Amino acid sequence: MIGAARKYLFDGRDPEEVLGRVADIDATSDVPRLTPTAMEMARMSRARDHIMTNLDEMYREAFERARETGDEKQMAALDFAYRREQLYLEILLDIRDAVERR
């Protein structure tokens, strides 16, 4: 779980640089907010393929653990959950793409 969190937080960036920037934030800093201006300045950086690959890896690992234990119910639940999450993410990514094109 720690590895997944590290991958999510640092994703190709230098951990020391990221942690240094976080340490420099104080109460008077201009902390990013979810405003139209902030959204305009900070474009989405994760590619659709990257996001979907992360989802696939996460569910594949859980599915393999369920397969190793022979838990058919868990395997079926994971299969359904994966397809549902994939659909949700595709919809959200379509919305993100439409907003970025505006």
Protein backbone atom coordinates (compact mmCIF):
# COMPACT_ATOMS: atom_id res chain seq x y z
CA MET A 1 0.00 0.00 0.00
CA ILE A 2 2.88 2.34 0.78
CA GLY A 3 4.35 1.67 -2.66
CA ALA A 4 1.06 2.57 -4.34
CA ALA A 5 0.83 5.80 -2.32
CA ARG A 6 4.43 6.69 -3.19
CA LYS A 7 3.74 6.02 -6.87
CA TYR A 8 0.59 8.19 -6.74
CA LEU A 9 2.21 11.08 -4.90
CA PHE A 10 5.53 11.25 -6.70
CA ASP A 11 4.68 9.75 -10.13
CA GLY A 12 7.92 10.45 -11.96
CA ARG A 13 8.86 13.49 -9.86
CA ASP A 14 11.78 13.85 -7.48
CA PRO A 15 10.44 13.03 -3.97
CA GLU A 16 12.80 15.53 -2.32
CA GLU A 17 11.55 18.35 -4.53
CA VAL A 18 7.88 17.48 -3.90
CA LEU A 19 8.38 17.22 -0.14
CA GLY A 20 10.37 20.46 -0.13
CA ARG A 21 7.53 22.31 -1.84
CA VAL A 22 5.02 20.89 0.65
CA ALA A 23 7.24 21.92 3.58
CA ASP A 24 7.36 25.51 2.27
CA ILE A 25 3.56 25.92 2.37
CA ASP A 26 2.42 28.03 5.29
CA ALA A 27 -0.76 29.86 6.23
CA THR A 28 0.09 32.84 4.02
CA SER A 29 0.99 30.80 0.95
CA ASP A 30 -1.21 30.89 -2.11
CA VAL A 31 -2.55 27.37 -1.71
CA PRO A 32 -4.24 26.06 -4.86
CA ARG A 33 -8.01 26.06 -4.71
CA LEU A 34 -10.52 24.39 -7.00
CA THR A 35 -11.61 27.56 -8.74
CA PRO A 36 -12.11 28.24 -12.44
CA THR A 37 -8.89 30.28 -12.47
CA ALA A 38 -6.90 27.53 -10.75
CA MET A 39 -8.35 24.92 -13.09
CA GLU A 40 -7.40 27.06 -16.06
CA MET A 41 -3.81 27.42 -14.81
CA ALA A 42 -3.29 23.78 -13.82
CA ARG A 43 -4.14 21.47 -16.66
CA MET A 44 -4.74 17.80 -15.98
CA SER A 45 -1.44 16.00 -16.31
CA ARG A 46 -2.27 12.31 -16.15
CA ALA A 47 -2.89 10.63 -19.45
CA ARG A 48 -6.03 8.54 -19.87
CA ASP A 49 -3.92 5.43 -20.53
CA HIS A 50 -1.92 5.99 -17.37
CA ILE A 51 -5.04 6.25 -15.22
CA MET A 52 -6.65 3.19 -16.75
CA THR A 53 -3.42 1.20 -16.39
CA ASN A 54 -3.29 2.06 -12.68
CA LEU A 55 -6.88 0.89 -12.25
CA ASP A 56 -6.12 -2.31 -14.12
CA GLU A 57 -3.03 -3.05 -12.02
CA MET A 58 -4.87 -2.47 -8.77
CA TYR A 59 -7.75 -4.79 -9.62
CA ARG A 60 -5.48 -7.39 -11.25
CA GLU A 61 -3.45 -7.70 -8.04
CA ALA A 62 -6.59 -8.12 -5.92
CA PHE A 63 -8.06 -10.59 -8.43
CA GLU A 64 -4.88 -12.69 -8.38
CA ARG A 65 -4.97 -12.82 -4.57
CA ALA A 66 -8.59 -14.00 -4.69
CA ARG A 67 -7.70 -16.58 -7.35
CA GLU A 68 -4.83 -17.92 -5.23
CA THR A 69 -7.19 -18.47 -2.31
CA GLY A 70 -9.87 -19.93 -4.58
CA ASP A 71 -12.45 -17.33 -3.52
CA GLU A 72 -14.90 -17.42 -6.43
CA LYS A 73 -17.28 -14.92 -4.78
CA GLN A 74 -14.50 -12.39 -4.32
CA MET A 75 -13.33 -12.91 -7.91
CA ALA A 76 -16.85 -12.23 -9.21
CA ALA A 77 -17.22 -9.16 -6.97
CA LEU A 78 -13.87 -7.80 -8.13
CA ASP A 79 -14.74 -8.38 -11.77
CA PHE A 80 -17.98 -6.44 -11.41
CA ALA A 81 -16.32 -3.67 -9.37
CA TYR A 82 -13.55 -3.32 -11.94
CA ARG A 83 -15.99 -2.91 -14.82
CA ARG A 84 -18.07 -0.42 -12.82
CA GLU A 85 -15.02 1.67 -11.82
CA GLN A 86 -13.72 1.54 -15.39
CA LEU A 87 -17.03 2.96 -16.63
CA TYR A 88 -17.02 5.71 -13.98
CA LEU A 89 -13.46 6.67 -14.82
CA GLU A 90 -14.18 6.73 -18.55
CA ILE A 91 -17.09 9.11 -17.94
CA LEU A 92 -15.00 11.35 -15.70
CA LEU A 93 -12.14 11.37 -18.19
CA ASP A 94 -14.55 12.28 -20.99
CA ILE A 95 -15.79 15.20 -18.87
CA ARG A 96 -12.20 16.23 -18.13
CA ASP A 97 -11.33 16.14 -21.83
CA ALA A 98 -14.39 18.23 -22.71
CA VAL A 99 -13.53 20.83 -20.05
CA GLU A 100 -9.91 21.01 -21.23
CA ARG A 101 -11.04 21.64 -24.82
CA ARG A 102 -13.12 24.65 -23.74
